[in-house]
């Protein structure tokens, strides 16, 4: 086994891990309950997750629709020009642990996908001359913290999503394991993520402390530490999601 360290400079608009860094600024609004409003805390929390625009935006961004930006292993040497994946949600499970005024949720989503690599077998080629496809399955986990803010007869009014973790995904193979991601900002600040599902973005309170503030045209240096079972060099790419 070997440890790899890769350094890349990327524009500010790339989103690390394909993950979604977000701002939620909407205020709660008091409305009359609908006839089909959830009647239990469990159902209310599940509906909050299903209707949350940030959580639901993961799939449209994760599925590049063949628009290319991730790489896998093949049996021969290739020279990739563009890499991407198409994804379909196979199943979803949300487990919730309610503890008085706080609840903890774990959202697990399994995707079936196809990896597309536009490449050439010629190291001097200027354009790709072949498309390589490879099916794969990946499981993505996100943790969610809920906070109880009221005690009315209507559960949907009583709870909010207080914080959401970054998403952590892996394929069925353990040949490559991402250990740490470090982002070096132009202002000298450093962002380090070792466990995405323990790195929470708070809602409404202090969310800005976890999100780098970047201006148009800024660049950041990204360092990826990983372990690999392969002797050959590994390529790590960063995707900013589908447009």
C-alpha atoms as a PDB file:
ATOM      1  CA  UNK A   1       0.000   0.000   0.000  1.00  0.00           C
ATOM      2  CA  UNK A   2       1.195   3.514  -0.738  1.00  0.00           C
ATOM      3  CA  UNK A   3       0.120   6.965   0.311  1.00  0.00           C
ATOM      4  CA  UNK A   4      -0.498   9.563  -2.360  1.00  0.00           C
ATOM      5  CA  UNK A   5      -0.510  13.355  -2.022  1.00  0.00           C
ATOM      6  CA  UNK A   6      -1.814  15.302  -5.002  1.00  0.00           C
ATOM      7  CA  UNK A   7      -1.810  19.079  -5.363  1.00  0.00           C
ATOM      8  CA  UNK A   8      -4.157  20.934  -7.695  1.00  0.00           C
ATOM      9  CA  UNK A   9      -5.107  24.560  -8.233  1.00  0.00           C
ATOM     10  CA  UNK A  10      -8.759  25.036  -9.158  1.00  0.00           C
ATOM     11  CA  UNK A  11     -11.040  28.061  -9.742  1.00  0.00           C
ATOM     12  CA  UNK A  12     -13.258  29.156  -6.874  1.00  0.00           C
ATOM     13  CA  UNK A  13     -16.477  27.840  -8.403  1.00  0.00           C
ATOM     14  CA  UNK A  14     -15.495  24.159  -8.166  1.00  0.00           C
ATOM     15  CA  UNK A  15     -17.385  22.428  -5.384  1.00  0.00           C
ATOM     16  CA  UNK A  16     -15.247  19.952  -3.451  1.00  0.00           C
ATOM     17  CA  UNK A  17     -16.281  16.242  -3.535  1.00  0.00           C
ATOM     18  CA  UNK A  18     -19.206  17.142  -5.596  1.00  0.00           C
ATOM     19  CA  UNK A  19     -20.607  18.128  -2.310  1.00  0.00           C
ATOM     20  CA  UNK A  20     -22.917  21.063  -1.775  1.00  0.00           C
ATOM     21  CA  UNK A  21     -21.893  24.006   0.388  1.00  0.00           C
ATOM     22  CA  UNK A  22     -24.953  26.129   0.984  1.00  0.00           C
ATOM     23  CA  UNK A  23     -26.731  29.042   2.620  1.00  0.00           C
ATOM     24  CA  UNK A  24     -30.232  28.721   4.007  1.00  0.00           C
ATOM     25  CA  UNK A  25     -31.724  32.092   4.877  1.00  0.00           C
ATOM     26  CA  UNK A  26     -35.470  31.547   4.696  1.00  0.00           C
ATOM     27  CA  UNK A  27     -37.594  32.525   7.667  1.00  0.00           C
ATOM     28  CA  UNK A  28     -40.279  30.322   9.185  1.00  0.00           C
ATOM     29  CA  UNK A  29     -43.806  31.367   8.200  1.00  0.00           C
ATOM     30  CA  UNK A  30     -46.913  30.560  10.194  1.00  0.00           C
ATOM     31  CA  UNK A  31     -49.625  29.037   8.012  1.00  0.00           C
ATOM     32  CA  UNK A  32     -52.731  26.999   8.648  1.00  0.00           C
ATOM     33  CA  UNK A  33     -51.982  23.260   8.624  1.00  0.00           C
ATOM     34  CA  UNK A  34     -53.011  21.320   5.555  1.00  0.00           C
ATOM     35  CA  UNK A  35     -55.279  18.315   5.833  1.00  0.00           C
ATOM     36  CA  UNK A  36     -52.428  16.026   4.818  1.00  0.00           C
ATOM     37  CA  UNK A  37     -49.877  17.544   7.239  1.00  0.00           C
ATOM     38  CA  UNK A  38     -47.859  14.900   9.166  1.00  0.00           C
ATOM     39  CA  UNK A  39     -49.284  13.965  12.541  1.00  0.00           C
ATOM     40  CA  UNK A  40     -46.151  12.416  14.066  1.00  0.00           C
ATOM     41  CA  UNK A  41     -42.635  13.728  14.660  1.00  0.00           C
ATOM     42  CA  UNK A  42     -41.166  10.917  12.549  1.00  0.00           C
ATOM     43  CA  UNK A  43     -43.318  11.751   9.537  1.00  0.00           C
ATOM     44  CA  UNK A  44     -42.647  15.468   9.943  1.00  0.00           C
ATOM     45  CA  UNK A  45     -38.866  14.985   9.999  1.00  0.00           C
ATOM     46  CA  UNK A  46     -39.005  12.769   6.930  1.00  0.00           C
ATOM     47  CA  UNK A  47     -41.029  15.399   5.091  1.00  0.00           C
ATOM     48  CA  UNK A  48     -38.557  18.127   6.077  1.00  0.00           C
ATOM     49  CA  UNK A  49     -35.766  16.105   4.482  1.00  0.00           C
ATOM     50  CA  UNK A  50     -37.760  15.269   1.346  1.00  0.00           C
ATOM     51  CA  UNK A  51     -38.697  18.921   0.806  1.00  0.00           C
ATOM     52  CA  UNK A  52     -35.298  20.421   1.620  1.00  0.00           C
ATOM     53  CA  UNK A  53     -33.882  22.035  -1.519  1.00  0.00           C
ATOM     54  CA  UNK A  54     -30.237  21.627  -0.464  1.00  0.00           C
ATOM     55  CA  UNK A  55     -30.488  17.926   0.311  1.00  0.00           C
ATOM     56  CA  UNK A  56     -32.540  17.188  -2.807  1.00  0.00           C
ATOM     57  CA  UNK A  57     -30.095  19.119  -5.008  1.00  0.00           C
ATOM     58  CA  UNK A  58     -27.424  16.462  -4.508  1.00  0.00           C
ATOM     59  CA  UNK A  59     -28.664  14.099  -7.216  1.00  0.00           C
ATOM     60  CA  UNK A  60     -28.969  16.696 -10.023  1.00  0.00           C
ATOM     61  CA  UNK A  61     -25.406  17.799  -9.262  1.00  0.00           C
ATOM     62  CA  UNK A  62     -23.986  14.311  -8.730  1.00  0.00           C
ATOM     63  CA  UNK A  63     -25.469  13.068 -12.006  1.00  0.00           C
ATOM     64  CA  UNK A  64     -23.411  14.802 -14.672  1.00  0.00           C
ATOM     65  CA  UNK A  65     -25.372  13.129 -17.430  1.00  0.00           C
ATOM     66  CA  UNK A  66     -22.190  12.210 -19.259  1.00  0.00           C
ATOM     67  CA  UNK A  67     -20.690  15.663 -18.760  1.00  0.00           C
ATOM     68  CA  UNK A  68     -17.494  14.107 -17.364  1.00  0.00           C
ATOM     69  CA  UNK A  69     -15.144  14.578 -14.393  1.00  0.00           C
ATOM     70  CA  UNK A  70     -14.054  11.435 -12.439  1.00  0.00           C
ATOM     71  CA  UNK A  71     -11.614   8.634 -13.326  1.00  0.00           C
ATOM     72  CA  UNK A  72     -11.342   4.872 -12.755  1.00  0.00           C
ATOM     73  CA  UNK A  73      -8.870   2.110 -13.555  1.00  0.00           C
ATOM     74  CA  UNK A  74      -8.618   0.303 -16.887  1.00  0.00           C
ATOM     75  CA  UNK A  75      -6.331  -2.515 -17.979  1.00  0.00           C
ATOM     76  CA  UNK A  76      -4.350  -0.489 -20.518  1.00  0.00           C
ATOM     77  CA  UNK A  77      -2.698   2.913 -20.463  1.00  0.00           C
ATOM     78  CA  UNK A  78      -5.033   5.651 -21.620  1.00  0.00           C
ATOM     79  CA  UNK A  79      -4.791   9.414 -21.812  1.00  0.00           C
ATOM     80  CA  UNK A  80      -8.097  10.932 -20.691  1.00  0.00           C
ATOM     81  CA  UNK A  81      -9.464  14.184 -22.033  1.00  0.00           C
ATOM     82  CA  UNK A  82     -12.750  14.241 -20.150  1.00  0.00           C
ATOM     83  CA  UNK A  83     -14.317  11.996 -17.548  1.00  0.00           C
ATOM     84  CA  UNK A  84     -17.809  11.906 -16.024  1.00  0.00           C
ATOM     85  CA  UNK A  85     -20.668   9.778 -14.713  1.00  0.00           C
ATOM     86  CA  UNK A  86     -24.393   9.255 -15.121  1.00  0.00           C
ATOM     87  CA  UNK A  87     -26.268   8.321 -11.954  1.00  0.00           C
ATOM     88  CA  UNK A  88     -29.661   6.873 -11.047  1.00  0.00           C
ATOM     89  CA  UNK A  89     -30.998   6.615  -7.511  1.00  0.00           C
ATOM     90  CA  UNK A  90     -31.644   2.953  -6.699  1.00  0.00           C
ATOM     91  CA  UNK A  91     -32.802   3.210  -3.089  1.00  0.00           C
ATOM     92  CA  UNK A  92     -32.946   5.657  -0.194  1.00  0.00           C
ATOM     93  CA  UNK A  93     -33.183   5.126   3.554  1.00  0.00           C
ATOM     94  CA  UNK A  94     -33.593   7.722   6.308  1.00  0.00           C
ATOM     95  CA  UNK A  95     -33.086   6.577   9.898  1.00  0.00           C
ATOM     96  CA  UNK A  96     -34.045   9.046  12.647  1.00  0.00           C
ATOM     97  CA  UNK A  97     -33.252   9.004  16.357  1.00  0.00           C
ATOM     98  CA  UNK A  98     -35.525  11.446  18.242  1.00  0.00           C
ATOM     99  CA  UNK A  99     -34.228  12.603  21.619  1.00  0.00           C
ATOM    100  CA  UNK A 100     -36.586  15.107  23.228  1.00  0.00           C
ATOM    101  CA  UNK A 101     -35.754  18.466  21.571  1.00  0.00           C
ATOM    102  CA  UNK A 102     -32.994  17.155  19.271  1.00  0.00           C
ATOM    103  CA  UNK A 103     -33.181  14.482  16.578  1.00  0.00           C
ATOM    104  CA  UNK A 104     -30.408  12.880  14.544  1.00  0.00           C
ATOM    105  CA  UNK A 105     -30.928  11.555  11.045  1.00  0.00           C
ATOM    106  CA  UNK A 106     -28.750   9.481   8.716  1.00  0.00           C
ATOM    107  CA  UNK A 107     -29.671   9.606   5.046  1.00  0.00           C
ATOM    108  CA  UNK A 108     -28.237   6.730   2.996  1.00  0.00           C
ATOM    109  CA  UNK A 109     -28.646   6.755  -0.784  1.00  0.00           C
ATOM    110  CA  UNK A 110     -27.433   4.056  -3.172  1.00  0.00           C
ATOM    111  CA  UNK A 111     -26.828   4.957  -6.808  1.00  0.00           C
ATOM    112  CA  UNK A 112     -26.218   2.862  -9.898  1.00  0.00           C
ATOM    113  CA  UNK A 113     -23.999   4.646 -12.336  1.00  0.00           C
ATOM    114  CA  UNK A 114     -21.933   4.471 -15.488  1.00  0.00           C
ATOM    115  CA  UNK A 115     -18.464   5.961 -15.739  1.00  0.00           C
ATOM    116  CA  UNK A 116     -17.584   7.588 -19.067  1.00  0.00           C
ATOM    117  CA  UNK A 117     -13.993   8.274 -20.082  1.00  0.00           C
ATOM    118  CA  UNK A 118     -13.289  10.176 -23.288  1.00  0.00           C
ATOM    119  CA  UNK A 119      -9.665   9.251 -23.980  1.00  0.00           C
ATOM    120  CA  UNK A 120      -6.990   8.250 -26.441  1.00  0.00           C
ATOM    121  CA  UNK A 121      -4.461   5.443 -26.428  1.00  0.00           C
ATOM    122  CA  UNK A 122      -2.028   7.819 -28.141  1.00  0.00           C
ATOM    123  CA  UNK A 123      -0.074  10.063 -25.712  1.00  0.00           C
ATOM    124  CA  UNK A 124       0.355  12.665 -28.473  1.00  0.00           C
ATOM    125  CA  UNK A 125      -3.313  12.842 -29.458  1.00  0.00           C
ATOM    126  CA  UNK A 126      -5.018  16.225 -29.419  1.00  0.00           C
ATOM    127  CA  UNK A 127      -8.565  14.856 -29.358  1.00  0.00           C
ATOM    128  CA  UNK A 128     -10.161  11.767 -27.807  1.00  0.00           C
ATOM    129  CA  UNK A 129     -10.635   8.825 -30.145  1.00  0.00           C
ATOM    130  CA  UNK A 130     -12.426   6.360 -27.859  1.00  0.00           C
ATOM    131  CA  UNK A 131     -15.106   6.265 -25.155  1.00  0.00           C
ATOM    132  CA  UNK A 132     -14.660   3.811 -22.280  1.00  0.00           C
ATOM    133  CA  UNK A 133     -17.652   2.973 -20.082  1.00  0.00           C
ATOM    134  CA  UNK A 134     -17.728   1.132 -16.770  1.00  0.00           C
ATOM    135  CA  UNK A 135     -20.775   0.417 -14.561  1.00  0.00           C
ATOM    136  CA  UNK A 136     -20.447   0.984 -10.809  1.00  0.00           C
ATOM    137  CA  UNK A 137     -22.484   1.299  -7.615  1.00  0.00           C
ATOM    138  CA  UNK A 138     -21.879   3.927  -4.961  1.00  0.00           C
ATOM    139  CA  UNK A 139     -23.393   4.588  -1.541  1.00  0.00           C
ATOM    140  CA  UNK A 140     -23.602   8.165  -0.246  1.00  0.00           C
ATOM    141  CA  UNK A 141     -24.238   9.029   3.413  1.00  0.00           C
ATOM    142  CA  UNK A 142     -25.277  12.378   4.899  1.00  0.00           C
ATOM    143  CA  UNK A 143     -26.032  13.175   8.544  1.00  0.00           C
ATOM    144  CA  UNK A 144     -28.757  15.613   9.572  1.00  0.00           C
ATOM    145  CA  UNK A 145     -29.472  17.322  12.905  1.00  0.00           C
ATOM    146  CA  UNK A 146     -33.019  18.487  13.683  1.00  0.00           C
ATOM    147  CA  UNK A 147     -34.007  20.951  16.418  1.00  0.00           C
ATOM    148  CA  UNK A 148     -37.378  21.261  18.091  1.00  0.00           C
ATOM    149  CA  UNK A 149     -38.456  24.910  18.263  1.00  0.00           C
ATOM    150  CA  UNK A 150     -42.077  24.646  19.369  1.00  0.00           C
ATOM    151  CA  UNK A 151     -44.588  22.322  20.992  1.00  0.00           C
ATOM    152  CA  UNK A 152     -47.764  22.710  18.952  1.00  0.00           C
ATOM    153  CA  UNK A 153     -50.199  19.974  17.872  1.00  0.00           C
ATOM    154  CA  UNK A 154     -48.650  20.237  14.385  1.00  0.00           C
ATOM    155  CA  UNK A 155     -45.250  18.458  14.146  1.00  0.00           C
ATOM    156  CA  UNK A 156     -44.207  20.271  10.961  1.00  0.00           C
ATOM    157  CA  UNK A 157     -44.278  23.559  12.897  1.00  0.00           C
ATOM    158  CA  UNK A 158     -42.266  22.129  15.760  1.00  0.00           C
ATOM    159  CA  UNK A 159     -39.062  21.069  13.981  1.00  0.00           C
ATOM    160  CA  UNK A 160     -36.420  22.603  11.745  1.00  0.00           C
ATOM    161  CA  UNK A 161     -33.291  21.226  10.123  1.00  0.00           C
ATOM    162  CA  UNK A 162     -30.520  22.745  12.263  1.00  0.00           C
ATOM    163  CA  UNK A 163     -27.457  21.376  10.461  1.00  0.00           C
ATOM    164  CA  UNK A 164     -26.509  19.097   7.587  1.00  0.00           C
ATOM    165  CA  UNK A 165     -23.204  17.317   7.131  1.00  0.00           C
ATOM    166  CA  UNK A 166     -21.242  17.026   3.928  1.00  0.00           C
ATOM    167  CA  UNK A 167     -21.865  13.897   1.884  1.00  0.00           C
ATOM    168  CA  UNK A 168     -19.485  10.947   2.036  1.00  0.00           C
ATOM    169  CA  UNK A 169     -19.573   8.364  -0.735  1.00  0.00           C
ATOM    170  CA  UNK A 170     -17.683   5.275  -1.754  1.00  0.00           C
ATOM    171  CA  UNK A 171     -17.902   2.492  -4.282  1.00  0.00           C
ATOM    172  CA  UNK A 172     -17.901  -1.224  -3.500  1.00  0.00           C
ATOM    173  CA  UNK A 173     -14.129  -1.388  -3.948  1.00  0.00           C
ATOM    174  CA  UNK A 174     -11.734  -0.480  -1.106  1.00  0.00           C
ATOM    175  CA  UNK A 175      -8.708  -0.182  -3.387  1.00  0.00           C
ATOM    176  CA  UNK A 176      -8.541   3.600  -2.990  1.00  0.00           C
ATOM    177  CA  UNK A 177      -9.398   5.375   0.263  1.00  0.00           C
ATOM    178  CA  UNK A 178      -9.559   9.159   0.560  1.00  0.00           C
ATOM    179  CA  UNK A 179      -8.119  10.125   3.953  1.00  0.00           C
ATOM    180  CA  UNK A 180      -8.147  13.904   4.026  1.00  0.00           C
ATOM    181  CA  UNK A 181      -8.851  16.965   1.927  1.00  0.00           C
ATOM    182  CA  UNK A 182      -7.162  20.286   2.705  1.00  0.00           C
ATOM    183  CA  UNK A 183      -8.014  23.586   1.027  1.00  0.00           C
ATOM    184  CA  UNK A 184      -5.494  26.445   1.212  1.00  0.00           C
ATOM    185  CA  UNK A 185      -7.139  29.842   0.641  1.00  0.00           C
ATOM    186  CA  UNK A 186      -5.465  32.964  -0.702  1.00  0.00           C
ATOM    187  CA  UNK A 187      -6.022  34.811   2.589  1.00  0.00           C
ATOM    188  CA  UNK A 188      -3.985  32.218   4.503  1.00  0.00           C
ATOM    189  CA  UNK A 189      -6.937  30.308   5.952  1.00  0.00           C
ATOM    190  CA  UNK A 190      -6.990  26.513   5.725  1.00  0.00           C
ATOM    191  CA  UNK A 191     -10.025  24.225   5.487  1.00  0.00           C
ATOM    192  CA  UNK A 192      -9.417  20.590   6.465  1.00  0.00           C
ATOM    193  CA  UNK A 193     -11.986  17.804   6.071  1.00  0.00           C
ATOM    194  CA  UNK A 194     -11.172  14.285   7.296  1.00  0.00           C
ATOM    195  CA  UNK A 195     -14.679  12.976   7.951  1.00  0.00           C
ATOM    196  CA  UNK A 196     -17.363  14.582   5.741  1.00  0.00           C
ATOM    197  CA  UNK A 197     -20.263  13.164   7.748  1.00  0.00           C
ATOM    198  CA  UNK A 198     -18.887  14.864  10.881  1.00  0.00           C
ATOM    199  CA  UNK A 199     -18.402  18.209   9.167  1.00  0.00           C
ATOM    200  CA  UNK A 200     -21.689  20.065   9.635  1.00  0.00           C
ATOM    201  CA  UNK A 201     -22.967  23.220   7.982  1.00  0.00           C
ATOM    202  CA  UNK A 202     -25.253  24.974  10.441  1.00  0.00           C
ATOM    203  CA  UNK A 203     -28.553  26.510   9.405  1.00  0.00           C
ATOM    204  CA  UNK A 204     -29.399  30.108  10.389  1.00  0.00           C
ATOM    205  CA  UNK A 205     -26.614  30.376  13.010  1.00  0.00           C
ATOM    206  CA  UNK A 206     -22.900  30.785  12.246  1.00  0.00           C
ATOM    207  CA  UNK A 207     -23.141  29.019   8.861  1.00  0.00           C
ATOM    208  CA  UNK A 208     -20.478  31.370   7.480  1.00  0.00           C
ATOM    209  CA  UNK A 209     -17.826  29.930   9.831  1.00  0.00           C
ATOM    210  CA  UNK A 210     -17.780  26.683   7.839  1.00  0.00           C
ATOM    211  CA  UNK A 211     -17.911  28.136   4.313  1.00  0.00           C
ATOM    212  CA  UNK A 212     -14.860  29.729   2.625  1.00  0.00           C
ATOM    213  CA  UNK A 213     -15.519  33.264   1.431  1.00  0.00           C
ATOM    214  CA  UNK A 214     -14.221  33.554  -2.146  1.00  0.00           C
ATOM    215  CA  UNK A 215     -14.419  36.319  -4.703  1.00  0.00           C
ATOM    216  CA  UNK A 216     -14.825  35.887  -8.473  1.00  0.00           C
ATOM    217  CA  UNK A 217     -11.486  34.949  -9.990  1.00  0.00           C
ATOM    218  CA  UNK A 218      -9.979  33.658  -6.729  1.00  0.00           C
ATOM    219  CA  UNK A 219      -8.065  30.392  -6.803  1.00  0.00           C
ATOM    220  CA  UNK A 220      -7.490  27.832  -4.061  1.00  0.00           C
ATOM    221  CA  UNK A 221      -4.935  25.078  -3.617  1.00  0.00           C
ATOM    222  CA  UNK A 222      -6.439  21.653  -2.918  1.00  0.00           C
ATOM    223  CA  UNK A 223      -4.429  18.853  -1.330  1.00  0.00           C
ATOM    224  CA  UNK A 224      -5.798  15.303  -1.316  1.00  0.00           C
ATOM    225  CA  UNK A 225      -4.290  12.584   0.897  1.00  0.00           C
ATOM    226  CA  UNK A 226      -5.269   9.015   0.028  1.00  0.00           C
ATOM    227  CA  UNK A 227      -4.115   5.421   0.256  1.00  0.00           C
ATOM    228  CA  UNK A 228      -4.063   3.203  -2.816  1.00  0.00           C
ATOM    229  CA  UNK A 229      -3.599  -0.497  -3.411  1.00  0.00           C
ATOM    230  CA  UNK A 230      -2.323   0.235  -6.927  1.00  0.00           C
ATOM    231  CA  UNK A 231       1.349   0.598  -7.768  1.00  0.00           C
ATOM    232  CA  UNK A 232       0.603   2.923 -10.668  1.00  0.00           C
ATOM    233  CA  UNK A 233      -0.004   6.631 -10.200  1.00  0.00           C
ATOM    234  CA  UNK A 234      -3.571   7.611  -9.375  1.00  0.00           C
ATOM    235  CA  UNK A 235      -5.435  10.575 -10.827  1.00  0.00           C
ATOM    236  CA  UNK A 236      -7.735  12.623  -8.599  1.00  0.00           C
ATOM    237  CA  UNK A 237     -10.188  15.025 -10.231  1.00  0.00           C
ATOM    238  CA  UNK A 238     -12.616  17.574  -8.805  1.00  0.00           C
ATOM    239  CA  UNK A 239     -16.155  17.982 -10.094  1.00  0.00           C
ATOM    240  CA  UNK A 240     -18.386  21.019  -9.674  1.00  0.00           C
ATOM    241  CA  UNK A 241     -21.579  19.199 -10.631  1.00  0.00           C
ATOM    242  CA  UNK A 242     -23.779  19.296 -13.674  1.00  0.00           C
ATOM    243  CA  UNK A 243     -24.828  22.634 -15.145  1.00  0.00           C
END
